PDB file of N, CA and C in Angstrom:
ATOM      1  N   UNK A   1      87.587 117.717  94.009  1.00  0.00           N
ATOM      2  CA  UNK A   1      88.802 117.160  94.543  1.00  0.00           C
ATOM      3  C   UNK A   1      88.456 115.904  95.335  1.00  0.00           C
ATOM      4  N   UNK A   2      89.245 114.860  95.153  1.00  0.00           N
ATOM      5  CA  UNK A   2      89.044 113.594  95.863  1.00  0.00           C
ATOM      6  C   UNK A   2      90.168 113.408  96.864  1.00  0.00           C
ATOM      7  N   UNK A   3      89.816 112.886  98.027  1.00  0.00           N
ATOM      8  CA  UNK A   3      90.766 112.734  99.113  1.00  0.00           C
ATOM      9  C   UNK A   3      90.716 111.305  99.609  1.00  0.00           C
ATOM     10  N   UNK A   4      91.872 110.670  99.766  1.00  0.00           N
ATOM     11  CA  UNK A   4      91.927 109.302 100.253  1.00  0.00           C
ATOM     12  C   UNK A   4      92.931 109.157 101.380  1.00  0.00           C
ATOM     13  N   UNK A   5      92.800 108.064 102.105  1.00  0.00           N
ATOM     14  CA  UNK A   5      93.699 107.758 103.210  1.00  0.00           C
ATOM     15  C   UNK A   5      94.275 106.360 103.025  1.00  0.00           C
ATOM     16  N   UNK A   6      95.421 106.128 103.630  1.00  0.00           N
ATOM     17  CA  UNK A   6      96.032 104.816 103.583  1.00  0.00           C
ATOM     18  C   UNK A   6      96.404 104.380 104.997  1.00  0.00           C
ATOM     19  N   UNK A   7      96.047 103.153 105.339  1.00  0.00           N
ATOM     20  CA  UNK A   7      96.380 102.565 106.642  1.00  0.00           C
ATOM     21  C   UNK A   7      95.910 103.433 107.811  1.00  0.00           C
ATOM     22  N   UNK A   8      94.712 103.962 107.745  1.00  0.00           N
ATOM     23  CA  UNK A   8      94.169 104.831 108.791  1.00  0.00           C
ATOM     24  C   UNK A   8      93.260 104.039 109.730  1.00  0.00           C
ATOM     25  N   UNK A   9      93.221 104.468 110.980  1.00  0.00           N
ATOM     26  CA  UNK A   9      92.311 103.845 111.948  1.00  0.00           C
ATOM     27  C   UNK A   9      90.897 104.383 111.728  1.00  0.00           C
ATOM     28  N   UNK A  10      89.924 103.715 112.325  1.00  0.00           N
ATOM     29  CA  UNK A  10      88.530 104.162 112.209  1.00  0.00           C
ATOM     30  C   UNK A  10      88.385 105.578 112.765  1.00  0.00           C
ATOM     31  N   UNK A  11      89.054 105.865 113.870  1.00  0.00           N
ATOM     32  CA  UNK A  11      88.989 107.195 114.485  1.00  0.00           C
ATOM     33  C   UNK A  11      89.562 108.261 113.545  1.00  0.00           C
ATOM     34  N   UNK A  12      90.694 107.972 112.926  1.00  0.00           N
ATOM     35  CA  UNK A  12      91.318 108.920 111.995  1.00  0.00           C
ATOM     36  C   UNK A  12      90.441 109.141 110.771  1.00  0.00           C
ATOM     37  N   UNK A  13      89.826 108.074 110.278  1.00  0.00           N
ATOM     38  CA  UNK A  13      88.930 108.194 109.119  1.00  0.00           C
ATOM     39  C   UNK A  13      87.782 109.143 109.450  1.00  0.00           C
ATOM     40  N   UNK A  14      87.176 108.969 110.614  1.00  0.00           N
ATOM     41  CA  UNK A  14      86.065 109.839 111.021  1.00  0.00           C
ATOM     42  C   UNK A  14      86.515 111.292 111.169  1.00  0.00           C
ATOM     43  N   UNK A  15      87.665 111.497 111.783  1.00  0.00           N
ATOM     44  CA  UNK A  15      88.172 112.864 111.971  1.00  0.00           C
ATOM     45  C   UNK A  15      88.462 113.532 110.627  1.00  0.00           C
ATOM     46  N   UNK A  16      89.098 112.800 109.722  1.00  0.00           N
ATOM     47  CA  UNK A  16      89.419 113.356 108.407  1.00  0.00           C
ATOM     48  C   UNK A  16      88.161 113.638 107.605  1.00  0.00           C
ATOM     49  N   UNK A  17      87.205 112.724 107.659  1.00  0.00           N
ATOM     50  CA  UNK A  17      85.958 112.864 106.891  1.00  0.00           C
ATOM     51  C   UNK A  17      85.143 114.072 107.364  1.00  0.00           C
ATOM     52  N   UNK A  18      85.279 114.423 108.640  1.00  0.00           N
ATOM     53  CA  UNK A  18      84.566 115.588 109.174  1.00  0.00           C
ATOM     54  C   UNK A  18      85.128 116.889 108.606  1.00  0.00           C
ATOM     55  N   UNK A  19      86.408 116.879 108.232  1.00  0.00           N
ATOM     56  CA  UNK A  19      87.061 118.081 107.693  1.00  0.00           C
ATOM     57  C   UNK A  19      86.942 118.127 106.172  1.00  0.00           C
ATOM     58  N   UNK A  20      87.189 116.997 105.524  1.00  0.00           N
ATOM     59  CA  UNK A  20      87.181 116.888 104.056  1.00  0.00           C
ATOM     60  C   UNK A  20      86.610 115.523 103.707  1.00  0.00           C
ATOM     61  N   UNK A  21      85.540 115.460 102.914  1.00  0.00           N
ATOM     62  CA  UNK A  21      84.970 114.146 102.579  1.00  0.00           C
ATOM     63  C   UNK A  21      86.029 113.194 101.999  1.00  0.00           C
ATOM     64  N   UNK A  22      86.136 112.042 102.603  1.00  0.00           N
ATOM     65  CA  UNK A  22      87.096 111.024 102.172  1.00  0.00           C
ATOM     66  C   UNK A  22      86.427 110.154 101.112  1.00  0.00           C
ATOM     67  N   UNK A  23      87.115 109.955 100.003  1.00  0.00           N
ATOM     68  CA  UNK A  23      86.582 109.158  98.901  1.00  0.00           C
ATOM     69  C   UNK A  23      86.907 107.677  99.066  1.00  0.00           C
ATOM     70  N   UNK A  24      88.146 107.379  99.493  1.00  0.00           N
ATOM     71  CA  UNK A  24      88.575 105.982  99.597  1.00  0.00           C
ATOM     72  C   UNK A  24      89.611 105.808 100.695  1.00  0.00           C
ATOM     73  N   UNK A  25      89.633 104.602 101.239  1.00  0.00           N
ATOM     74  CA  UNK A  25      90.627 104.221 102.234  1.00  0.00           C
ATOM     75  C   UNK A  25      91.305 102.951 101.736  1.00  0.00           C
ATOM     76  N   UNK A  26      92.640 102.967 101.732  1.00  0.00           N
ATOM     77  CA  UNK A  26      93.421 101.810 101.302  1.00  0.00           C
ATOM     78  C   UNK A  26      94.085 101.210 102.540  1.00  0.00           C
ATOM     79  N   UNK A  27      93.858  99.931 102.755  1.00  0.00           N
ATOM     80  CA  UNK A  27      94.412  99.260 103.930  1.00  0.00           C
ATOM     81  C   UNK A  27      94.701  97.803 103.597  1.00  0.00           C
ATOM     82  N   UNK A  28      95.705  97.265 104.241  1.00  0.00           N
ATOM     83  CA  UNK A  28      96.019  95.854 104.038  1.00  0.00           C
ATOM     84  C   UNK A  28      94.834  94.991 104.465  1.00  0.00           C
ATOM     85  N   UNK A  29      94.496  94.059 103.606  1.00  0.00           N
ATOM     86  CA  UNK A  29      93.391  93.127 103.863  1.00  0.00           C
ATOM     87  C   UNK A  29      93.681  91.877 103.054  1.00  0.00           C
ATOM     88  N   UNK A  30      94.059  90.825 103.723  1.00  0.00           N
ATOM     89  CA  UNK A  30      94.437  89.602 103.026  1.00  0.00           C
ATOM     90  C   UNK A  30      94.081  88.407 103.890  1.00  0.00           C
ATOM     91  N   UNK A  31      94.396  87.241 103.404  1.00  0.00           N
ATOM     92  CA  UNK A  31      94.154  86.027 104.193  1.00  0.00           C
ATOM     93  C   UNK A  31      94.955  86.048 105.483  1.00  0.00           C
ATOM     94  N   UNK A  32      96.091  86.727 105.459  1.00  0.00           N
ATOM     95  CA  UNK A  32      96.961  86.775 106.627  1.00  0.00           C
ATOM     96  C   UNK A  32      96.636  87.934 107.562  1.00  0.00           C
ATOM     97  N   UNK A  33      95.994  88.973 107.065  1.00  0.00           N
ATOM     98  CA  UNK A  33      95.722  90.156 107.885  1.00  0.00           C
ATOM     99  C   UNK A  33      94.288  90.613 107.657  1.00  0.00           C
ATOM    100  N   UNK A  34      93.432  90.276 108.577  1.00  0.00           N
ATOM    101  CA  UNK A  34      92.015  90.616 108.467  1.00  0.00           C
ATOM    102  C   UNK A  34      91.580  91.572 109.575  1.00  0.00           C
ATOM    103  N   UNK A  35      92.530  92.360 110.082  1.00  0.00           N
ATOM    104  CA  UNK A  35      92.258  93.269 111.199  1.00  0.00           C
ATOM    105  C   UNK A  35      91.106  94.230 110.919  1.00  0.00           C
ATOM    106  N   UNK A  36      90.966  94.684 109.678  1.00  0.00           N
ATOM    107  CA  UNK A  36      89.930  95.676 109.367  1.00  0.00           C
ATOM    108  C   UNK A  36      88.513  95.147 109.621  1.00  0.00           C
ATOM    109  N   UNK A  37      88.377  93.835 109.725  1.00  0.00           N
ATOM    110  CA  UNK A  37      87.073  93.254 110.039  1.00  0.00           C
ATOM    111  C   UNK A  37      86.719  93.461 111.511  1.00  0.00           C
ATOM    112  N   UNK A  38      87.730  93.692 112.345  1.00  0.00           N
ATOM    113  CA  UNK A  38      87.517  93.761 113.788  1.00  0.00           C
ATOM    114  C   UNK A  38      87.823  95.129 114.397  1.00  0.00           C
ATOM    115  N   UNK A  39      88.603  95.957 113.706  1.00  0.00           N
ATOM    116  CA  UNK A  39      89.006  97.241 114.299  1.00  0.00           C
ATOM    117  C   UNK A  39      88.116  98.420 113.916  1.00  0.00           C
ATOM    118  N   UNK A  40      87.042  98.146 113.197  1.00  0.00           N
ATOM    119  CA  UNK A  40      86.077  99.187 112.878  1.00  0.00           C
ATOM    120  C   UNK A  40      86.303  99.919 111.568  1.00  0.00           C
ATOM    121  N   UNK A  41      87.382  99.617 110.858  1.00  0.00           N
ATOM    122  CA  UNK A  41      87.680 100.335 109.610  1.00  0.00           C
ATOM    123  C   UNK A  41      86.621 100.044 108.548  1.00  0.00           C
ATOM    124  N   UNK A  42      86.318  98.769 108.304  1.00  0.00           N
ATOM    125  CA  UNK A  42      85.313  98.440 107.280  1.00  0.00           C
ATOM    126  C   UNK A  42      83.945  99.013 107.645  1.00  0.00           C
ATOM    127  N   UNK A  43      83.569  98.888 108.909  1.00  0.00           N
ATOM    128  CA  UNK A  43      82.274  99.389 109.359  1.00  0.00           C
ATOM    129  C   UNK A  43      82.193 100.901 109.188  1.00  0.00           C
ATOM    130  N   UNK A  44      83.267 101.611 109.529  1.00  0.00           N
ATOM    131  CA  UNK A  44      83.306 103.073 109.388  1.00  0.00           C
ATOM    132  C   UNK A  44      83.183 103.476 107.926  1.00  0.00           C
ATOM    133  N   UNK A  45      83.911 102.793 107.048  1.00  0.00           N
ATOM    134  CA  UNK A  45      83.826 103.097 105.613  1.00  0.00           C
ATOM    135  C   UNK A  45      82.403 102.888 105.102  1.00  0.00           C
ATOM    136  N   UNK A  46      81.784 101.806 105.528  1.00  0.00           N
ATOM    137  CA  UNK A  46      80.417 101.523 105.099  1.00  0.00           C
ATOM    138  C   UNK A  46      79.447 102.593 105.609  1.00  0.00           C
ATOM    139  N   UNK A  47      79.575 102.956 106.872  1.00  0.00           N
ATOM    140  CA  UNK A  47      78.684 103.967 107.467  1.00  0.00           C
ATOM    141  C   UNK A  47      78.797 105.314 106.774  1.00  0.00           C
ATOM    142  N   UNK A  48      80.018 105.700 106.413  1.00  0.00           N
ATOM    143  CA  UNK A  48      80.257 107.023 105.836  1.00  0.00           C
ATOM    144  C   UNK A  48      80.206 107.035 104.306  1.00  0.00           C
ATOM    145  N   UNK A  49      79.980 105.879 103.682  1.00  0.00           N
ATOM    146  CA  UNK A  49      79.918 105.812 102.226  1.00  0.00           C
ATOM    147  C   UNK A  49      81.274 105.994 101.562  1.00  0.00           C
ATOM    148  N   UNK A  50      82.315 105.520 102.225  1.00  0.00           N
ATOM    149  CA  UNK A  50      83.684 105.644 101.725  1.00  0.00           C
ATOM    150  C   UNK A  50      84.101 104.333 101.065  1.00  0.00           C
ATOM    151  N   UNK A  51      84.721 104.425  99.890  1.00  0.00           N
ATOM    152  CA  UNK A  51      85.211 103.228  99.211  1.00  0.00           C
ATOM    153  C   UNK A  51      86.381 102.615  99.957  1.00  0.00           C
ATOM    154  N   UNK A  52      86.455 101.298  99.944  1.00  0.00           N
ATOM    155  CA  UNK A  52      87.558 100.590 100.595  1.00  0.00           C
ATOM    156  C   UNK A  52      88.391  99.896  99.534  1.00  0.00           C
ATOM    157  N   UNK A  53      89.698 100.176  99.527  1.00  0.00           N
ATOM    158  CA  UNK A  53      90.621  99.585  98.552  1.00  0.00           C
ATOM    159  C   UNK A  53      91.563  98.651  99.312  1.00  0.00           C
ATOM    160  N   UNK A  54      91.323  97.348  99.238  1.00  0.00           N
ATOM    161  CA  UNK A  54      92.197  96.414  99.945  1.00  0.00           C
ATOM    162  C   UNK A  54      93.483  96.173  99.181  1.00  0.00           C
ATOM    163  N   UNK A  55      94.534  95.927  99.913  1.00  0.00           N
ATOM    164  CA  UNK A  55      95.769  95.477  99.283  1.00  0.00           C
ATOM    165  C   UNK A  55      96.326  94.372 100.161  1.00  0.00           C
ATOM    166  N   UNK A  56      97.040  93.485  99.556  1.00  0.00           N
ATOM    167  CA  UNK A  56      97.632  92.398 100.314  1.00  0.00           C
ATOM    168  C   UNK A  56      98.912  91.925  99.668  1.00  0.00           C
ATOM    169  N   UNK A  57      99.892  91.668 100.505  1.00  0.00           N
ATOM    170  CA  UNK A  57     101.149  91.151  99.967  1.00  0.00           C
ATOM    171  C   UNK A  57     100.949  89.747  99.421  1.00  0.00           C
ATOM    172  N   UNK A  58     101.809  89.356  98.526  1.00  0.00           N
ATOM    173  CA  UNK A  58     101.769  87.982  98.026  1.00  0.00           C
ATOM    174  C   UNK A  58     102.175  87.095  99.192  1.00  0.00           C
ATOM    175  N   UNK A  59     101.371  86.107  99.459  1.00  0.00           N
ATOM    176  CA  UNK A  59     101.615  85.244 100.607  1.00  0.00           C
ATOM    177  C   UNK A  59     102.285  83.960 100.132  1.00  0.00           C
ATOM    178  N   UNK A  60     103.377  83.625 100.772  1.00  0.00           N
ATOM    179  CA  UNK A  60     104.067  82.391 100.417  1.00  0.00           C
ATOM    180  C   UNK A  60     103.529  81.244 101.255  1.00  0.00           C
ATOM    181  N   UNK A  61     103.745  80.047 100.778  1.00  0.00           N
ATOM    182  CA  UNK A  61     103.293  78.895 101.560  1.00  0.00           C
ATOM    183  C   UNK A  61     104.017  78.833 102.893  1.00  0.00           C
ATOM    184  N   UNK A  62     105.247  79.359 102.953  1.00  0.00           N
ATOM    185  CA  UNK A  62     105.974  79.388 104.225  1.00  0.00           C
ATOM    186  C   UNK A  62     105.241  80.257 105.243  1.00  0.00           C
ATOM    187  N   UNK A  63     104.739  81.408 104.807  1.00  0.00           N
ATOM    188  CA  UNK A  63     104.019  82.297 105.714  1.00  0.00           C
ATOM    189  C   UNK A  63     102.754  81.636 106.240  1.00  0.00           C
ATOM    190  N   UNK A  64     102.052  80.951 105.368  1.00  0.00           N
ATOM    191  CA  UNK A  64     100.824  80.277 105.778  1.00  0.00           C
ATOM    192  C   UNK A  64     101.148  79.189 106.797  1.00  0.00           C
ATOM    193  N   UNK A  65     102.214  78.436 106.552  1.00  0.00           N
ATOM    194  CA  UNK A  65     102.614  77.384 107.482  1.00  0.00           C
ATOM    195  C   UNK A  65     103.008  77.985 108.823  1.00  0.00           C
ATOM    196  N   UNK A  66     103.758  79.093 108.820  1.00  0.00           N
ATOM    197  CA  UNK A  66     104.188  79.719 110.059  1.00  0.00           C
ATOM    198  C   UNK A  66     102.993  80.218 110.852  1.00  0.00           C
ATOM    199  N   UNK A  67     102.004  80.816 110.177  1.00  0.00           N
ATOM    200  CA  UNK A  67     100.808  81.309 110.854  1.00  0.00           C
ATOM    201  C   UNK A  67     100.029  80.135 111.450  1.00  0.00           C
ATOM    202  N   UNK A  68      99.956  79.044 110.715  1.00  0.00           N
ATOM    203  CA  UNK A  68      99.250  77.869 111.187  1.00  0.00           C
ATOM    204  C   UNK A  68      99.910  77.298 112.442  1.00  0.00           C
ATOM    205  N   UNK A  69     101.230  77.444 112.537  1.00  0.00           N
ATOM    206  CA  UNK A  69     101.960  76.939 113.695  1.00  0.00           C
ATOM    207  C   UNK A  69     101.798  77.834 114.915  1.00  0.00           C
ATOM    208  N   UNK A  70     101.087  78.964 114.762  1.00  0.00           N
ATOM    209  CA  UNK A  70     100.797  79.808 115.910  1.00  0.00           C
ATOM    210  C   UNK A  70     101.805  80.902 116.177  1.00  0.00           C
ATOM    211  N   UNK A  71     102.611  81.264 115.199  1.00  0.00           N
ATOM    212  CA  UNK A  71     103.553  82.361 115.410  1.00  0.00           C
ATOM    213  C   UNK A  71     102.788  83.664 115.589  1.00  0.00           C
ATOM    214  N   UNK A  72     103.316  84.564 116.380  1.00  0.00           N
ATOM    215  CA  UNK A  72     102.683  85.862 116.575  1.00  0.00           C
ATOM    216  C   UNK A  72     102.872  86.710 115.330  1.00  0.00           C
ATOM    217  N   UNK A  73     102.071  87.762 115.188  1.00  0.00           N
ATOM    218  CA  UNK A  73     102.204  88.649 114.038  1.00  0.00           C
ATOM    219  C   UNK A  73     103.596  89.256 113.974  1.00  0.00           C
ATOM    220  N   UNK A  74     104.152  89.640 115.122  1.00  0.00           N
ATOM    221  CA  UNK A  74     105.477  90.264 115.142  1.00  0.00           C
ATOM    222  C   UNK A  74     106.548  89.276 114.666  1.00  0.00           C
ATOM    223  N   UNK A  75     106.504  88.057 115.157  1.00  0.00           N
ATOM    224  CA  UNK A  75     107.510  87.079 114.734  1.00  0.00           C
ATOM    225  C   UNK A  75     107.285  86.670 113.279  1.00  0.00           C
ATOM    226  N   UNK A  76     106.025  86.664 112.844  1.00  0.00           N
ATOM    227  CA  UNK A  76     105.727  86.345 111.453  1.00  0.00           C
ATOM    228  C   UNK A  76     106.273  87.420 110.527  1.00  0.00           C
ATOM    229  N   UNK A  77     106.117  88.706 110.904  1.00  0.00           N
ATOM    230  CA  UNK A  77     106.665  89.794 110.085  1.00  0.00           C
ATOM    231  C   UNK A  77     108.182  89.690 109.996  1.00  0.00           C
ATOM    232  N   UNK A  78     108.829  89.346 111.097  1.00  0.00           N
ATOM    233  CA  UNK A  78     110.283  89.190 111.092  1.00  0.00           C
ATOM    234  C   UNK A  78     110.685  88.053 110.158  1.00  0.00           C
ATOM    235  N   UNK A  79     109.935  86.953 110.192  1.00  0.00           N
ATOM    236  CA  UNK A  79     110.232  85.825 109.325  1.00  0.00           C
ATOM    237  C   UNK A  79     109.977  86.186 107.864  1.00  0.00           C
ATOM    238  N   UNK A  80     108.895  86.930 107.576  1.00  0.00           N
ATOM    239  CA  UNK A  80     108.621  87.374 106.209  1.00  0.00           C
ATOM    240  C   UNK A  80     109.749  88.250 105.688  1.00  0.00           C
ATOM    241  N   UNK A  81     110.273  89.148 106.530  1.00  0.00           N
ATOM    242  CA  UNK A  81     111.386  90.012 106.118  1.00  0.00           C
ATOM    243  C   UNK A  81     112.597  89.160 105.773  1.00  0.00           C
ATOM    244  N   UNK A  82     112.845  88.143 106.569  1.00  0.00           N
ATOM    245  CA  UNK A  82     113.965  87.235 106.308  1.00  0.00           C
ATOM    246  C   UNK A  82     113.761  86.520 104.979  1.00  0.00           C
ATOM    247  N   UNK A  83     112.543  86.035 104.728  1.00  0.00           N
ATOM    248  CA  UNK A  83     112.265  85.316 103.484  1.00  0.00           C
ATOM    249  C   UNK A  83     112.404  86.210 102.259  1.00  0.00           C
ATOM    250  N   UNK A  84     112.033  87.494 102.382  1.00  0.00           N
ATOM    251  CA  UNK A  84     112.177  88.413 101.247  1.00  0.00           C
ATOM    252  C   UNK A  84     113.649  88.629 100.901  1.00  0.00           C
ATOM    253  N   UNK A  85     114.514  88.596 101.913  1.00  0.00           N
ATOM    254  CA  UNK A  85     115.951  88.765 101.658  1.00  0.00           C
ATOM    255  C   UNK A  85     116.527  87.541 100.961  1.00  0.00           C
ATOM    256  N   UNK A  86     115.842  86.423 101.052  1.00  0.00           N
ATOM    257  CA  UNK A  86     116.353  85.154 100.546  1.00  0.00           C
ATOM    258  C   UNK A  86     115.836  84.862  99.143  1.00  0.00           C
ATOM    259  N   UNK A  87     116.007  85.801  98.240  1.00  0.00           N
ATOM    260  CA  UNK A  87     115.528  85.610  96.872  1.00  0.00           C
ATOM    261  C   UNK A  87     116.627  85.946  95.881  1.00  0.00           C
ATOM    262  N   UNK A  88     116.648  85.171  94.794  1.00  0.00           N
ATOM    263  CA  UNK A  88     117.584  85.462  93.707  1.00  0.00           C
ATOM    264  C   UNK A  88     119.024  85.496  94.162  1.00  0.00           C
ATOM    265  N   UNK A  89     119.781  86.459  93.638  1.00  0.00           N
ATOM    266  CA  UNK A  89     121.206  86.563  93.938  1.00  0.00           C
ATOM    267  C   UNK A  89     121.478  87.038  95.368  1.00  0.00           C
ATOM    268  N   UNK A  90     120.467  87.579  96.039  1.00  0.00           N
ATOM    269  CA  UNK A  90     120.702  88.140  97.357  1.00  0.00           C
ATOM    270  C   UNK A  90     120.676  87.101  98.478  1.00  0.00           C
ATOM    271  N   UNK A  91     120.698  85.814  98.118  1.00  0.00           N
ATOM    272  CA  UNK A  91     120.630  84.781  99.150  1.00  0.00           C
ATOM    273  C   UNK A  91     121.979  84.672  99.863  1.00  0.00           C
ATOM    274  N   UNK A  92     122.026  85.123 101.116  1.00  0.00           N
ATOM    275  CA  UNK A  92     123.261  84.953 101.868  1.00  0.00           C
ATOM    276  C   UNK A  92     123.417  83.495 102.294  1.00  0.00           C
ATOM    277  N   UNK A  93     124.640  83.067 102.499  1.00  0.00           N
ATOM    278  CA  UNK A  93     124.909  81.702 102.890  1.00  0.00           C
ATOM    279  C   UNK A  93     124.178  81.379 104.181  1.00  0.00           C
ATOM    280  N   UNK A  94     123.396  80.316 104.187  1.00  0.00           N
ATOM    281  CA  UNK A  94     122.699  79.867 105.383  1.00  0.00           C
ATOM    282  C   UNK A  94     121.494  80.694 105.763  1.00  0.00           C
ATOM    283  N   UNK A  95     121.025  81.536 104.865  1.00  0.00           N
ATOM    284  CA  UNK A  95     119.891  82.419 105.187  1.00  0.00           C
ATOM    285  C   UNK A  95     118.630  81.622 105.453  1.00  0.00           C
ATOM    286  N   UNK A  96     118.335  80.679 104.592  1.00  0.00           N
ATOM    287  CA  UNK A  96     117.034  80.010 104.715  1.00  0.00           C
ATOM    288  C   UNK A  96     117.167  78.602 105.210  1.00  0.00           C
TER     289      UNK A  96
END
């Protein structure tokens, strides 16, 4: 039986691995979100021999520009949510 985790902290990975060997951990890892390099997740996976499965949302040039302008992660997520609503037929008047 194989067991995996998604979006888990380094502490949770260690606790889970002590009970049931964890095969893989899936966590967001992209140009916009590199937290796993600093929060111990990658290091923990490497130490315990656990596979790491990165995933990342498609990044728009607007998101890159907003990040470059120094927006916080919280305000950037709010702006990304707004931009996702502004696609195709779902574009409300004055949305973007």
